[in-house]
Structure formats: C-alpha cells, structure tokens
C-alpha cells in the first residue's frame, strides 16, 4: 500500500478555500471507491482543518 500524502493547508485569510480544495483533491483521487481506514483518518483530519478555518473566518466577521 502506498503512503497517503498529507497536506497541511496554511491558515491564512483564504484558509477555508485552501482546506476545501485539499478535501476536493483528496476525494477526487479516490473517486469511485470506498475510503480505506487510513484514508478515512486523513479525510477526518482534513475536515477538522476545514472546520477550524471556517470558525476562524466566522469569528473574524463577527
């Protein structure tokens, strides 16, 4: 099994867009099949990054 490349999206003003794009790229590369356990863990990590970025942008807007 090949190692899963991880990407750490930078937390900048466009961090939500970067995290969203990282999720899209990750899922496109695996289109048409179920995620393996290690891939599910990476997807979960990416979702957490996206959620933190989104919360940060909401807090800045408030």
PDB file of N, CA and C in Angstrom:
ATOM      1  N   UNK A   1       0.844  -1.172   0.000  1.00  0.00           N
ATOM      2  CA  UNK A   1       0.000   0.000   0.000  1.00  0.00           C
ATOM      3  C   UNK A   1       0.895   1.242   0.000  1.00  0.00           C
ATOM      4  N   UNK A   2       0.541   2.199  -0.820  1.00  0.00           N
ATOM      5  CA  UNK A   2       1.310   3.445  -0.890  1.00  0.00           C
ATOM      6  C   UNK A   2       0.964   4.329   0.298  1.00  0.00           C
ATOM      7  N   UNK A   3       1.929   5.093   0.806  1.00  0.00           N
ATOM      8  CA  UNK A   3       1.623   6.026   1.887  1.00  0.00           C
ATOM      9  C   UNK A   3       0.711   7.128   1.373  1.00  0.00           C
ATOM     10  N   UNK A   4      -0.104   7.638   2.252  1.00  0.00           N
ATOM     11  CA  UNK A   4      -1.032   8.705   1.904  1.00  0.00           C
ATOM     12  C   UNK A   4      -0.324  10.037   2.066  1.00  0.00           C
ATOM     13  N   UNK A   5      -0.229  10.810   0.980  1.00  0.00           N
ATOM     14  CA  UNK A   5       0.405  12.120   1.128  1.00  0.00           C
ATOM     15  C   UNK A   5      -0.496  13.029   1.956  1.00  0.00           C
ATOM     16  N   UNK A   6       0.089  13.733   2.866  1.00  0.00           N
ATOM     17  CA  UNK A   6      -0.684  14.663   3.681  1.00  0.00           C
ATOM     18  C   UNK A   6      -0.322  16.074   3.290  1.00  0.00           C
ATOM     19  N   UNK A   7      -1.313  16.894   3.309  1.00  0.00           N
ATOM     20  CA  UNK A   7      -1.100  18.296   3.006  1.00  0.00           C
ATOM     21  C   UNK A   7      -1.577  19.098   4.204  1.00  0.00           C
ATOM     22  N   UNK A   8      -0.771  20.006   4.653  1.00  0.00           N
ATOM     23  CA  UNK A   8      -1.147  20.881   5.741  1.00  0.00           C
ATOM     24  C   UNK A   8      -1.546  22.224   5.139  1.00  0.00           C
ATOM     25  N   UNK A   9      -2.857  22.477   4.981  1.00  0.00           N
ATOM     26  CA  UNK A   9      -3.253  23.767   4.440  1.00  0.00           C
ATOM     27  C   UNK A   9      -2.779  24.901   5.351  1.00  0.00           C
ATOM     28  N   UNK A  10      -2.272  25.954   4.767  1.00  0.00           N
ATOM     29  CA  UNK A  10      -1.823  27.103   5.531  1.00  0.00           C
ATOM     30  C   UNK A  10      -3.028  27.846   6.071  1.00  0.00           C
ATOM     31  N   UNK A  11      -2.939  28.311   7.292  1.00  0.00           N
ATOM     32  CA  UNK A  11      -4.043  29.065   7.878  1.00  0.00           C
ATOM     33  C   UNK A  11      -3.818  30.546   7.595  1.00  0.00           C
ATOM     34  N   UNK A  12      -4.419  30.989   6.508  1.00  0.00           N
ATOM     35  CA  UNK A  12      -4.328  32.377   6.086  1.00  0.00           C
ATOM     36  C   UNK A  12      -5.736  32.892   5.881  1.00  0.00           C
ATOM     37  N   UNK A  13      -5.868  34.073   5.297  1.00  0.00           N
ATOM     38  CA  UNK A  13      -7.189  34.640   5.077  1.00  0.00           C
ATOM     39  C   UNK A  13      -8.035  33.774   4.147  1.00  0.00           C
ATOM     40  N   UNK A  14      -7.394  32.981   3.309  1.00  0.00           N
ATOM     41  CA  UNK A  14      -8.145  32.100   2.420  1.00  0.00           C
ATOM     42  C   UNK A  14      -8.039  30.642   2.867  1.00  0.00           C
ATOM     43  N   UNK A  15      -7.823  30.422   4.167  1.00  0.00           N
ATOM     44  CA  UNK A  15      -7.617  29.062   4.656  1.00  0.00           C
ATOM     45  C   UNK A  15      -8.832  28.170   4.444  1.00  0.00           C
ATOM     46  N   UNK A  16     -10.032  28.720   4.492  1.00  0.00           N
ATOM     47  CA  UNK A  16     -11.219  27.911   4.229  1.00  0.00           C
ATOM     48  C   UNK A  16     -11.191  27.392   2.802  1.00  0.00           C
ATOM     49  N   UNK A  17     -10.859  28.249   1.864  1.00  0.00           N
ATOM     50  CA  UNK A  17     -10.765  27.828   0.463  1.00  0.00           C
ATOM     51  C   UNK A  17      -9.666  26.786   0.276  1.00  0.00           C
ATOM     52  N   UNK A  18      -8.538  26.977   0.921  1.00  0.00           N
ATOM     53  CA  UNK A  18      -7.431  26.030   0.802  1.00  0.00           C
ATOM     54  C   UNK A  18      -7.800  24.672   1.393  1.00  0.00           C
ATOM     55  N   UNK A  19      -8.437  24.688   2.550  1.00  0.00           N
ATOM     56  CA  UNK A  19      -8.841  23.428   3.179  1.00  0.00           C
ATOM     57  C   UNK A  19      -9.900  22.726   2.336  1.00  0.00           C
ATOM     58  N   UNK A  20     -10.834  23.481   1.807  1.00  0.00           N
ATOM     59  CA  UNK A  20     -11.871  22.908   0.949  1.00  0.00           C
ATOM     60  C   UNK A  20     -11.246  22.286  -0.293  1.00  0.00           C
ATOM     61  N   UNK A  21     -10.304  22.963  -0.890  1.00  0.00           N
ATOM     62  CA  UNK A  21      -9.641  22.439  -2.084  1.00  0.00           C
ATOM     63  C   UNK A  21      -8.844  21.181  -1.755  1.00  0.00           C
ATOM     64  N   UNK A  22      -8.198  21.147  -0.595  1.00  0.00           N
ATOM     65  CA  UNK A  22      -7.458  19.953  -0.188  1.00  0.00           C
ATOM     66  C   UNK A  22      -8.395  18.747  -0.065  1.00  0.00           C
ATOM     67  N   UNK A  23      -9.586  18.980   0.459  1.00  0.00           N
ATOM     68  CA  UNK A  23     -10.588  17.906   0.563  1.00  0.00           C
ATOM     69  C   UNK A  23     -11.015  17.454  -0.823  1.00  0.00           C
ATOM     70  N   UNK A  24     -11.277  18.409  -1.706  1.00  0.00           N
ATOM     71  CA  UNK A  24     -11.700  18.053  -3.072  1.00  0.00           C
ATOM     72  C   UNK A  24     -10.638  17.231  -3.800  1.00  0.00           C
ATOM     73  N   UNK A  25      -9.393  17.649  -3.705  1.00  0.00           N
ATOM     74  CA  UNK A  25      -8.296  16.934  -4.357  1.00  0.00           C
ATOM     75  C   UNK A  25      -8.178  15.524  -3.782  1.00  0.00           C
ATOM     76  N   UNK A  26      -8.245  15.437  -2.472  1.00  0.00           N
ATOM     77  CA  UNK A  26      -8.138  14.147  -1.799  1.00  0.00           C
ATOM     78  C   UNK A  26      -9.236  13.195  -2.275  1.00  0.00           C
ATOM     79  N   UNK A  27     -10.478  13.673  -2.318  1.00  0.00           N
ATOM     80  CA  UNK A  27     -11.589  12.798  -2.706  1.00  0.00           C
ATOM     81  C   UNK A  27     -11.590  12.494  -4.201  1.00  0.00           C
ATOM     82  N   UNK A  28     -11.219  13.461  -5.036  1.00  0.00           N
ATOM     83  CA  UNK A  28     -11.145  13.195  -6.482  1.00  0.00           C
ATOM     84  C   UNK A  28     -10.180  12.067  -6.792  1.00  0.00           C
ATOM     85  N   UNK A  29      -9.073  12.019  -6.071  1.00  0.00           N
ATOM     86  CA  UNK A  29      -8.060  10.989  -6.298  1.00  0.00           C
ATOM     87  C   UNK A  29      -8.576   9.601  -5.926  1.00  0.00           C
ATOM     88  N   UNK A  30      -9.665   9.539  -5.191  1.00  0.00           N
ATOM     89  CA  UNK A  30     -10.213   8.268  -4.737  1.00  0.00           C
ATOM     90  C   UNK A  30     -11.634   8.046  -5.239  1.00  0.00           C
ATOM     91  N   UNK A  31     -12.017   8.743  -6.272  1.00  0.00           N
ATOM     92  CA  UNK A  31     -13.382   8.667  -6.805  1.00  0.00           C
ATOM     93  C   UNK A  31     -13.718   7.240  -7.239  1.00  0.00           C
ATOM     94  N   UNK A  32     -14.931   6.839  -6.934  1.00  0.00           N
ATOM     95  CA  UNK A  32     -15.409   5.547  -7.398  1.00  0.00           C
ATOM     96  C   UNK A  32     -15.114   4.378  -6.480  1.00  0.00           C
ATOM     97  N   UNK A  33     -14.532   4.647  -5.325  1.00  0.00           N
ATOM     98  CA  UNK A  33     -14.285   3.544  -4.395  1.00  0.00           C
ATOM     99  C   UNK A  33     -14.405   4.050  -2.960  1.00  0.00           C
ATOM    100  N   UNK A  34     -14.633   3.099  -2.075  1.00  0.00           N
ATOM    101  CA  UNK A  34     -14.721   3.441  -0.655  1.00  0.00           C
ATOM    102  C   UNK A  34     -13.337   3.803  -0.119  1.00  0.00           C
ATOM    103  N   UNK A  35     -13.327   4.664   0.871  1.00  0.00           N
ATOM    104  CA  UNK A  35     -12.067   5.037   1.505  1.00  0.00           C
ATOM    105  C   UNK A  35     -11.585   3.917   2.413  1.00  0.00           C
ATOM    106  N   UNK A  36     -10.292   3.688   2.382  1.00  0.00           N
ATOM    107  CA  UNK A  36      -9.667   2.715   3.276  1.00  0.00           C
ATOM    108  C   UNK A  36      -9.547   3.347   4.663  1.00  0.00           C
ATOM    109  N   UNK A  37      -9.326   2.548   5.694  1.00  0.00           N
ATOM    110  CA  UNK A  37      -9.249   3.107   7.052  1.00  0.00           C
ATOM    111  C   UNK A  37      -8.253   4.260   7.199  1.00  0.00           C
ATOM    112  N   UNK A  38      -7.069   4.139   6.652  1.00  0.00           N
ATOM    113  CA  UNK A  38      -6.085   5.224   6.751  1.00  0.00           C
ATOM    114  C   UNK A  38      -6.568   6.457   5.994  1.00  0.00           C
ATOM    115  N   UNK A  39      -7.260   6.250   4.886  1.00  0.00           N
ATOM    116  CA  UNK A  39      -7.787   7.375   4.111  1.00  0.00           C
ATOM    117  C   UNK A  39      -8.936   8.054   4.857  1.00  0.00           C
ATOM    118  N   UNK A  40      -9.751   7.273   5.543  1.00  0.00           N
ATOM    119  CA  UNK A  40     -10.824   7.867   6.345  1.00  0.00           C
ATOM    120  C   UNK A  40     -10.238   8.738   7.450  1.00  0.00           C
ATOM    121  N   UNK A  41      -9.141   8.288   8.036  1.00  0.00           N
ATOM    122  CA  UNK A  41      -8.482   9.086   9.074  1.00  0.00           C
ATOM    123  C   UNK A  41      -7.959  10.401   8.500  1.00  0.00           C
ATOM    124  N   UNK A  42      -7.362  10.337   7.315  1.00  0.00           N
ATOM    125  CA  UNK A  42      -6.858  11.560   6.671  1.00  0.00           C
ATOM    126  C   UNK A  42      -8.011  12.486   6.290  1.00  0.00           C
ATOM    127  N   UNK A  43      -9.092  11.936   5.793  1.00  0.00           N
ATOM    128  CA  UNK A  43     -10.271  12.742   5.447  1.00  0.00           C
ATOM    129  C   UNK A  43     -10.813  13.428   6.700  1.00  0.00           C
ATOM    130  N   UNK A  44     -10.865  12.710   7.798  1.00  0.00           N
ATOM    131  CA  UNK A  44     -11.325  13.291   9.057  1.00  0.00           C
ATOM    132  C   UNK A  44     -10.418  14.441   9.484  1.00  0.00           C
ATOM    133  N   UNK A  45      -9.105  14.259   9.326  1.00  0.00           N
ATOM    134  CA  UNK A  45      -8.164  15.326   9.663  1.00  0.00           C
ATOM    135  C   UNK A  45      -8.395  16.562   8.799  1.00  0.00           C
ATOM    136  N   UNK A  46      -8.608  16.336   7.509  1.00  0.00           N
ATOM    137  CA  UNK A  46      -8.863  17.458   6.595  1.00  0.00           C
ATOM    138  C   UNK A  46     -10.149  18.190   6.964  1.00  0.00           C
ATOM    139  N   UNK A  47     -11.173  17.444   7.354  1.00  0.00           N
ATOM    140  CA  UNK A  47     -12.420  18.078   7.781  1.00  0.00           C
ATOM    141  C   UNK A  47     -12.215  18.934   9.029  1.00  0.00           C
ATOM    142  N   UNK A  48     -11.385  18.465   9.940  1.00  0.00           N
ATOM    143  CA  UNK A  48     -11.093  19.249  11.140  1.00  0.00           C
ATOM    144  C   UNK A  48     -10.371  20.544  10.789  1.00  0.00           C
ATOM    145  N   UNK A  49      -9.431  20.466   9.856  1.00  0.00           N
ATOM    146  CA  UNK A  49      -8.723  21.669   9.400  1.00  0.00           C
ATOM    147  C   UNK A  49      -9.720  22.650   8.781  1.00  0.00           C
ATOM    148  N   UNK A  50     -10.613  22.137   7.947  1.00  0.00           N
ATOM    149  CA  UNK A  50     -11.622  22.983   7.306  1.00  0.00           C
ATOM    150  C   UNK A  50     -12.528  23.638   8.359  1.00  0.00           C
ATOM    151  N   UNK A  51     -12.962  22.851   9.336  1.00  0.00           N
ATOM    152  CA  UNK A  51     -13.850  23.375  10.370  1.00  0.00           C
ATOM    153  C   UNK A  51     -13.172  24.476  11.176  1.00  0.00           C
ATOM    154  N   UNK A  52     -11.895  24.262  11.542  1.00  0.00           N
ATOM    155  CA  UNK A  52     -11.158  25.302  12.279  1.00  0.00           C
ATOM    156  C   UNK A  52     -11.032  26.570  11.437  1.00  0.00           C
ATOM    157  N   UNK A  53     -10.748  26.420  10.159  1.00  0.00           N
ATOM    158  CA  UNK A  53     -10.612  27.583   9.281  1.00  0.00           C
ATOM    159  C   UNK A  53     -11.933  28.314   9.152  1.00  0.00           C
ATOM    160  N   UNK A  54     -13.009  27.579   9.005  1.00  0.00           N
ATOM    161  CA  UNK A  54     -14.336  28.194   8.880  1.00  0.00           C
ATOM    162  C   UNK A  54     -14.701  28.943  10.155  1.00  0.00           C
ATOM    163  N   UNK A  55     -14.454  28.341  11.286  1.00  0.00           N
ATOM    164  CA  UNK A  55     -14.755  29.007  12.569  1.00  0.00           C
ATOM    165  C   UNK A  55     -13.936  30.281  12.713  1.00  0.00           C
ATOM    166  N   UNK A  56     -12.679  30.234  12.299  1.00  0.00           N
ATOM    167  CA  UNK A  56     -11.832  31.414  12.363  1.00  0.00           C
ATOM    168  C   UNK A  56     -12.366  32.550  11.511  1.00  0.00           C
ATOM    169  N   UNK A  57     -12.875  32.221  10.327  1.00  0.00           N
ATOM    170  CA  UNK A  57     -13.420  33.266   9.453  1.00  0.00           C
ATOM    171  C   UNK A  57     -14.727  33.818  10.008  1.00  0.00           C
ATOM    172  N   UNK A  58     -15.538  32.960  10.627  1.00  0.00           N
ATOM    173  CA  UNK A  58     -16.788  33.435  11.234  1.00  0.00           C
ATOM    174  C   UNK A  58     -16.481  34.357  12.407  1.00  0.00           C
ATOM    175  N   UNK A  59     -15.482  33.991  13.203  1.00  0.00           N
ATOM    176  CA  UNK A  59     -15.093  34.845  14.344  1.00  0.00           C
ATOM    177  C   UNK A  59     -14.554  36.193  13.866  1.00  0.00           C
ATOM    178  N   UNK A  60     -13.802  36.203  12.775  1.00  0.00           N
ATOM    179  CA  UNK A  60     -13.279  37.461  12.241  1.00  0.00           C
ATOM    180  C   UNK A  60     -14.400  38.347  11.730  1.00  0.00           C
ATOM    181  N   UNK A  61     -15.448  37.731  11.181  1.00  0.00           N
ATOM    182  CA  UNK A  61     -16.563  38.507  10.638  1.00  0.00           C
ATOM    183  C   UNK A  61     -17.437  39.091  11.746  1.00  0.00           C
ATOM    184  N   UNK A  62     -17.426  38.466  12.900  1.00  0.00           N
ATOM    185  CA  UNK A  62     -18.297  38.894  13.999  1.00  0.00           C
ATOM    186  C   UNK A  62     -17.817  40.118  14.714  1.00  0.00           C
TER     187      UNK A  62
END
